[in-house]
Amino acid sequence: MKFLAPVDFTEITNPLIRVVKLFAQAHNAEVHLLHTVSPVLYLPYPESFGMSTVDLELLAELQERKKEEAKERLKGLVEFLKPLEVEILVEIGEPAEVVLEKEETYDLVFMGSHKKGLVERILVGSTTEKVVKYSKKPVFVLKGKEPEGIKKVLIGYDLSEHARKALEFAVNLLKPFSPHIILLHVEETIELPLVEGIRDVLSEKYREEKLKHIEKIKDWLRESGFVASAYILEDKSPADGIRNFLKENPDIDIVVLGSRGLSGFKRVLLGSTSSELLRSLEVSLIIHRSLE
């Protein structure tokens, strides 16, 4: 496997690199560390301001100096990641855009999420949010408490094809850790405009079919070597159901979500459930995008 780990040298960097090392060692994966240097802005001043070719050369030198400084700092992370195979990448540009341009050849992108205040939770715009929002690759987002081991994983499962693909990806990624996998299916409370008796019969029949399907998935997980359990809950929305389950089960290390995308578009918005949970949960997530 091949992992991309963008780093910004803030307080989230060291925890993120520890998690990258945990997964990379389990898969003997190649790791590419990416740091993006913001471009030095040059505003075209009037000639009277005296902006000359020499000034432009100084700006270029400053930018190169920033790149060299970043490479030196990345070498320290390379030392920590030994004996893994690690490559250093330093680019100039807007961080999220650089990640999205480079992600194609990687199996998984690791992103850190900074602690935010209320206003920042409401506003979209952080590098991590932008990458997750538009990425066509699976993204691991480190949030909340750093997982020191992978013991218990919650997988949101809505019976769709993109949920199945997310499950298969998670099983492959998590197999070396043999965690307890919990499948969670959330039924939305929707009132159907049907005669009460008919509605109840249809709901019960549909629920039985879902139970059979989820039991098959659970059996497959157990045959694959995992401890597995499954729950079907009713709530106002899938996001509410997952949040409420996590409140009652705070020992979950990672939440896995599948999201549907449309490959015909250059960029596709993240599904509403995944987007909402990315902002509101304080636990690490793996978001797997299925393109259609």
Protein backbone atom coordinates (compact mmCIF):
# COMPACT_ATOMS: atom_id res chain seq x y z
CA MET A 1 0.00 0.00 0.00
CA LYS A 2 0.98 3.63 -0.46
CA PHE A 3 0.02 6.38 1.99
CA LEU A 4 0.03 10.18 1.61
CA ALA A 5 0.47 12.18 4.83
CA PRO A 6 0.23 15.97 4.46
CA VAL A 7 1.84 17.73 7.45
CA ASP A 8 1.81 21.38 8.50
CA PHE A 9 4.17 21.22 11.53
CA THR A 10 1.40 22.28 13.94
CA GLU A 11 0.34 20.47 17.12
CA ILE A 12 -1.53 17.80 15.12
CA THR A 13 1.56 16.67 13.17
CA ASN A 14 3.15 14.33 15.73
CA PRO A 15 -0.08 12.47 16.62
CA LEU A 16 -0.87 12.14 12.91
CA ILE A 17 2.57 10.70 12.12
CA ARG A 18 2.23 8.19 14.96
CA VAL A 19 -1.06 6.97 13.47
CA VAL A 20 0.47 6.83 9.98
CA LYS A 21 3.31 4.72 11.37
CA LEU A 22 0.84 2.39 13.10
CA PHE A 23 -0.96 1.63 9.83
CA ALA A 24 2.14 1.69 7.63
CA GLN A 25 3.96 -0.86 9.79
CA ALA A 26 0.92 -3.13 9.73
CA HIS A 27 0.90 -3.10 5.91
CA ASN A 28 4.60 -2.48 5.20
CA ALA A 29 3.33 0.55 3.30
CA GLU A 30 5.30 3.25 1.53
CA VAL A 31 4.74 6.68 3.09
CA HIS A 32 5.00 10.03 1.32
CA LEU A 33 5.21 13.07 3.59
CA LEU A 34 3.88 16.23 1.96
CA HIS A 35 4.34 19.80 3.14
CA THR A 36 2.93 22.70 1.18
CA VAL A 37 4.60 26.11 1.30
CA SER A 38 2.28 29.05 0.70
CA PRO A 39 3.40 31.08 -2.31
CA VAL A 40 5.08 34.40 -1.59
CA LEU A 41 2.62 37.00 -2.79
CA TYR A 42 3.85 39.66 -5.17
CA LEU A 43 1.51 42.57 -5.69
CA PRO A 44 2.26 44.67 -8.80
CA TYR A 45 3.21 48.00 -7.23
CA PRO A 46 3.33 51.22 -9.25
CA GLU A 47 6.78 52.00 -10.63
CA SER A 48 7.11 54.82 -8.10
CA PHE A 49 7.24 52.17 -5.33
CA GLY A 50 10.49 50.92 -6.83
CA MET A 51 9.69 47.18 -7.03
CA SER A 52 12.54 45.85 -9.14
CA THR A 53 13.85 42.59 -10.57
CA VAL A 54 16.11 42.40 -7.54
CA ASP A 55 13.04 42.43 -5.27
CA LEU A 56 11.47 39.59 -7.23
CA GLU A 57 14.67 37.58 -6.93
CA LEU A 58 14.61 38.12 -3.17
CA LEU A 59 11.04 36.83 -3.01
CA ALA A 60 12.05 33.75 -5.02
CA GLU A 61 14.98 33.16 -2.67
CA LEU A 62 12.67 33.46 0.33
CA GLN A 63 10.35 30.86 -1.14
CA GLU A 64 13.24 28.47 -1.81
CA ARG A 65 14.52 29.01 1.72
CA LYS A 66 11.10 28.04 3.08
CA LYS A 67 11.16 24.87 0.99
CA GLU A 68 14.61 23.91 2.27
CA GLU A 69 13.56 24.57 5.87
CA ALA A 70 10.51 22.34 5.36
CA LYS A 71 12.67 19.54 3.94
CA GLU A 72 14.94 19.68 6.99
CA ARG A 73 11.96 19.44 9.34
CA LEU A 74 10.52 16.54 7.34
CA LYS A 75 13.80 14.65 7.70
CA GLY A 76 13.13 14.46 11.43
CA LEU A 77 9.80 12.75 10.72
CA VAL A 78 11.54 10.37 8.32
CA GLU A 79 13.84 9.33 11.17
CA PHE A 80 10.82 8.59 13.36
CA LEU A 81 9.20 6.50 10.62
CA LYS A 82 12.24 4.24 10.11
CA PRO A 83 12.54 1.50 8.92
CA LEU A 84 9.57 2.32 6.67
CA GLU A 85 10.17 3.50 3.11
CA VAL A 86 9.49 7.24 3.18
CA GLU A 87 9.64 9.96 0.54
CA ILE A 88 9.62 13.72 1.15
CA LEU A 89 7.53 16.06 -0.98
CA VAL A 90 7.59 19.86 -0.66
CA GLU A 91 5.31 21.83 -2.97
CA ILE A 92 4.24 25.43 -3.36
CA GLY A 93 0.55 26.24 -3.46
CA GLU A 94 -2.68 26.09 -1.50
CA PRO A 95 -2.48 23.00 0.80
CA ALA A 96 -5.83 21.38 -0.02
CA GLU A 97 -5.40 21.93 -3.75
CA VAL A 98 -1.94 20.33 -3.69
CA VAL A 99 -3.25 17.27 -1.84
CA LEU A 100 -6.14 16.86 -4.28
CA GLU A 101 -3.78 17.15 -7.25
CA LYS A 102 -1.43 14.49 -5.87
CA GLU A 103 -3.83 11.98 -4.30
CA GLU A 104 -4.47 9.82 -7.38
CA THR A 105 -1.61 7.35 -6.90
CA TYR A 106 -2.26 6.71 -3.18
CA ASP A 107 -4.36 4.10 -1.40
CA LEU A 108 -5.13 6.28 1.62
CA VAL A 109 -4.67 9.94 2.57
CA PHE A 110 -4.11 10.82 6.24
CA MET A 111 -5.32 14.21 7.45
CA GLY A 112 -5.24 15.89 10.86
CA SER A 113 -8.09 17.96 12.23
CA HIS A 114 -7.37 20.93 14.48
CA LYS A 115 -9.47 21.74 17.51
CA LYS A 116 -12.03 24.36 16.62
CA GLY A 117 -14.33 26.83 18.28
CA LEU A 118 -18.05 27.08 17.58
CA VAL A 119 -17.74 29.54 14.68
CA GLU A 120 -15.06 27.42 13.00
CA ARG A 121 -17.26 24.32 13.35
CA ILE A 122 -19.99 26.10 11.40
CA LEU A 123 -17.81 27.54 8.65
CA VAL A 124 -16.40 25.36 5.88
CA GLY A 125 -12.88 26.13 4.74
CA SER A 126 -10.22 24.18 6.58
CA THR A 127 -7.69 22.16 4.59
CA THR A 128 -8.97 18.86 5.97
CA GLU A 129 -12.62 19.68 5.25
CA LYS A 130 -11.80 20.70 1.70
CA VAL A 131 -9.77 17.55 1.03
CA VAL A 132 -12.46 15.26 2.44
CA LYS A 133 -15.17 17.19 0.62
CA TYR A 134 -13.63 16.76 -2.82
CA SER A 135 -11.29 13.77 -2.53
CA LYS A 136 -11.83 10.72 -4.73
CA LYS A 137 -9.63 8.62 -2.43
CA PRO A 138 -10.22 7.14 1.02
CA VAL A 139 -9.29 9.66 3.71
CA PHE A 140 -8.36 8.97 7.33
CA VAL A 141 -9.14 12.00 9.51
CA LEU A 142 -7.50 12.09 12.94
CA LYS A 143 -9.93 13.69 15.40
CA GLY A 144 -10.38 13.65 19.15
CA LYS A 145 -8.25 11.24 21.15
CA GLU A 146 -5.35 9.67 19.27
CA PRO A 147 -6.00 5.91 18.83
CA GLU A 148 -3.07 4.10 20.45
CA GLY A 149 -4.41 0.79 19.22
CA ILE A 150 -7.28 -0.22 16.96
CA LYS A 151 -9.56 -2.25 19.22
CA LYS A 152 -13.10 -1.25 18.31
CA VAL A 153 -14.37 0.15 14.99
CA LEU A 154 -17.86 1.36 14.10
CA ILE A 155 -18.93 1.02 10.45
CA GLY A 156 -21.99 2.93 9.31
CA TYR A 157 -23.83 0.57 6.97
CA ASP A 158 -26.85 1.71 4.95
CA LEU A 159 -27.06 -1.40 2.71
CA SER A 160 -25.91 0.59 -0.34
CA GLU A 161 -23.17 -0.32 -2.81
CA HIS A 162 -20.91 2.48 -1.57
CA ALA A 163 -21.34 1.21 2.01
CA ARG A 164 -20.32 -2.27 0.87
CA LYS A 165 -17.18 -0.90 -0.81
CA ALA A 166 -16.31 1.09 2.32
CA LEU A 167 -16.73 -2.08 4.39
CA GLU A 168 -14.45 -4.08 2.10
CA PHE A 169 -11.80 -1.35 2.20
CA ALA A 170 -12.01 -1.17 5.99
CA VAL A 171 -11.70 -4.95 6.37
CA ASN A 172 -8.53 -4.97 4.26
CA LEU A 173 -7.04 -1.98 6.11
CA LEU A 174 -7.95 -3.19 9.61
CA LYS A 175 -7.25 -6.90 9.29
CA PRO A 176 -3.74 -6.73 10.85
CA PHE A 177 -5.29 -5.24 14.02
CA SER A 178 -8.18 -7.75 14.37
CA PRO A 179 -10.50 -5.19 15.99
CA HIS A 180 -14.07 -5.70 17.12
CA ILE A 181 -16.14 -4.44 14.17
CA ILE A 182 -19.60 -3.04 14.88
CA LEU A 183 -22.01 -2.67 11.97
CA LEU A 184 -24.57 0.05 12.57
CA HIS A 185 -27.62 0.54 10.38
CA VAL A 186 -29.83 3.53 11.18
CA GLU A 187 -33.46 3.55 10.08
CA GLU A 188 -34.87 7.01 9.61
CA THR A 189 -38.19 7.72 11.27
CA ILE A 190 -40.33 8.52 8.24
CA GLU A 191 -44.10 8.42 8.34
CA LEU A 192 -45.51 6.63 5.30
CA PRO A 193 -48.93 7.78 4.03
CA LEU A 194 -50.39 4.26 4.21
CA VAL A 195 -53.14 2.55 6.13
CA GLU A 196 -51.63 1.69 9.51
CA GLY A 197 -51.94 -2.10 9.19
CA ILE A 198 -50.37 -2.19 5.71
CA ARG A 199 -47.57 0.13 6.80
CA ASP A 200 -46.72 -2.09 9.76
CA VAL A 201 -46.64 -5.23 7.61
CA LEU A 202 -44.40 -3.60 5.00
CA SER A 203 -42.08 -2.14 7.65
CA GLU A 204 -41.73 -5.50 9.39
CA LYS A 205 -41.05 -7.34 6.13
CA TYR A 206 -38.45 -4.78 5.08
CA ARG A 207 -36.81 -4.97 8.50
CA GLU A 208 -36.61 -8.77 8.30
CA GLU A 209 -34.86 -8.57 4.92
CA LYS A 210 -32.37 -6.05 6.27
CA LEU A 211 -31.68 -8.22 9.30
CA LYS A 212 -30.95 -11.22 7.07
CA HIS A 213 -28.55 -9.17 4.94
CA ILE A 214 -26.73 -7.69 7.94
CA GLU A 215 -26.47 -11.13 9.59
CA LYS A 216 -24.75 -12.42 6.44
CA ILE A 217 -22.27 -9.54 6.58
CA LYS A 218 -21.64 -10.23 10.27
CA ASP A 219 -21.00 -13.92 9.54
CA TRP A 220 -18.58 -12.97 6.76
CA LEU A 221 -16.68 -10.70 9.15
CA ARG A 222 -16.39 -13.49 11.70
CA GLU A 223 -15.18 -15.90 9.04
CA SER A 224 -12.57 -13.27 8.13
CA GLY A 225 -11.21 -13.38 11.67
CA PHE A 226 -12.96 -10.41 13.29
CA VAL A 227 -15.11 -10.18 16.37
CA ALA A 228 -18.30 -8.72 14.89
CA SER A 229 -21.64 -7.41 16.09
CA ALA A 230 -24.49 -5.54 14.41
CA TYR A 231 -27.22 -3.13 15.42
CA ILE A 232 -30.26 -1.69 13.70
CA LEU A 233 -31.44 1.52 15.34
CA GLU A 234 -34.16 4.04 14.58
CA ASP A 235 -33.41 7.75 14.70
CA LYS A 236 -34.20 11.05 13.00
CA SER A 237 -31.27 10.65 10.60
CA PRO A 238 -28.22 8.41 10.05
CA ALA A 239 -25.99 11.15 11.49
CA ASP A 240 -28.12 11.41 14.65
CA GLY A 241 -28.14 7.62 15.01
CA ILE A 242 -24.35 7.37 14.77
CA ARG A 243 -23.83 10.28 17.19
CA ASN A 244 -26.21 8.78 19.75
CA PHE A 245 -24.60 5.34 19.45
CA LEU A 246 -21.17 6.87 20.09
CA LYS A 247 -22.46 8.67 23.20
CA GLU A 248 -23.39 5.28 24.65
CA ASN A 249 -20.20 3.62 23.35
CA PRO A 250 -17.35 6.10 23.93
CA ASP A 251 -14.66 3.42 23.50
CA ILE A 252 -14.93 3.39 19.68
CA ASP A 253 -11.51 4.11 18.13
CA ILE A 254 -12.54 4.77 14.51
CA VAL A 255 -15.75 5.38 12.57
CA VAL A 256 -15.91 4.21 8.93
CA LEU A 257 -18.32 5.87 6.50
CA GLY A 258 -19.04 5.25 2.84
CA SER A 259 -19.87 8.13 0.53
CA ARG A 260 -21.16 8.18 -3.02
CA GLY A 261 -19.54 10.29 -5.72
CA LEU A 262 -20.07 10.87 -9.43
CA SER A 263 -16.97 10.22 -11.53
CA GLY A 264 -18.29 12.29 -14.41
CA PHE A 265 -17.63 15.47 -12.46
CA LYS A 266 -14.15 16.80 -11.77
CA ARG A 267 -15.11 17.34 -8.15
CA VAL A 268 -17.98 15.92 -6.17
CA LEU A 269 -19.45 17.15 -2.92
CA LEU A 270 -19.25 14.85 0.06
CA GLY A 271 -22.56 13.28 1.13
CA SER A 272 -24.53 15.17 3.76
CA THR A 273 -24.22 12.47 6.45
CA SER A 274 -20.43 12.17 6.10
CA SER A 275 -20.01 15.94 5.93
CA GLU A 276 -22.12 16.50 9.04
CA LEU A 277 -20.31 13.81 11.03
CA LEU A 278 -16.89 15.08 9.94
CA ARG A 279 -17.68 18.33 11.69
CA SER A 280 -19.55 17.08 14.74
CA LEU A 281 -17.76 13.90 15.86
CA GLU A 282 -14.74 13.88 18.16
CA VAL A 283 -13.43 10.52 17.01
CA SER A 284 -11.20 9.56 14.07
CA LEU A 285 -12.94 8.72 10.80
CA ILE A 286 -12.21 6.83 7.61
CA ILE A 287 -14.30 8.19 4.75
CA HIS A 288 -14.37 6.02 1.64
CA ARG A 289 -15.62 7.53 -1.60
CA SER A 290 -17.21 5.29 -4.25
CA LEU A 291 -17.31 6.86 -7.69
CA GLU A 292 -20.20 6.09 -10.03
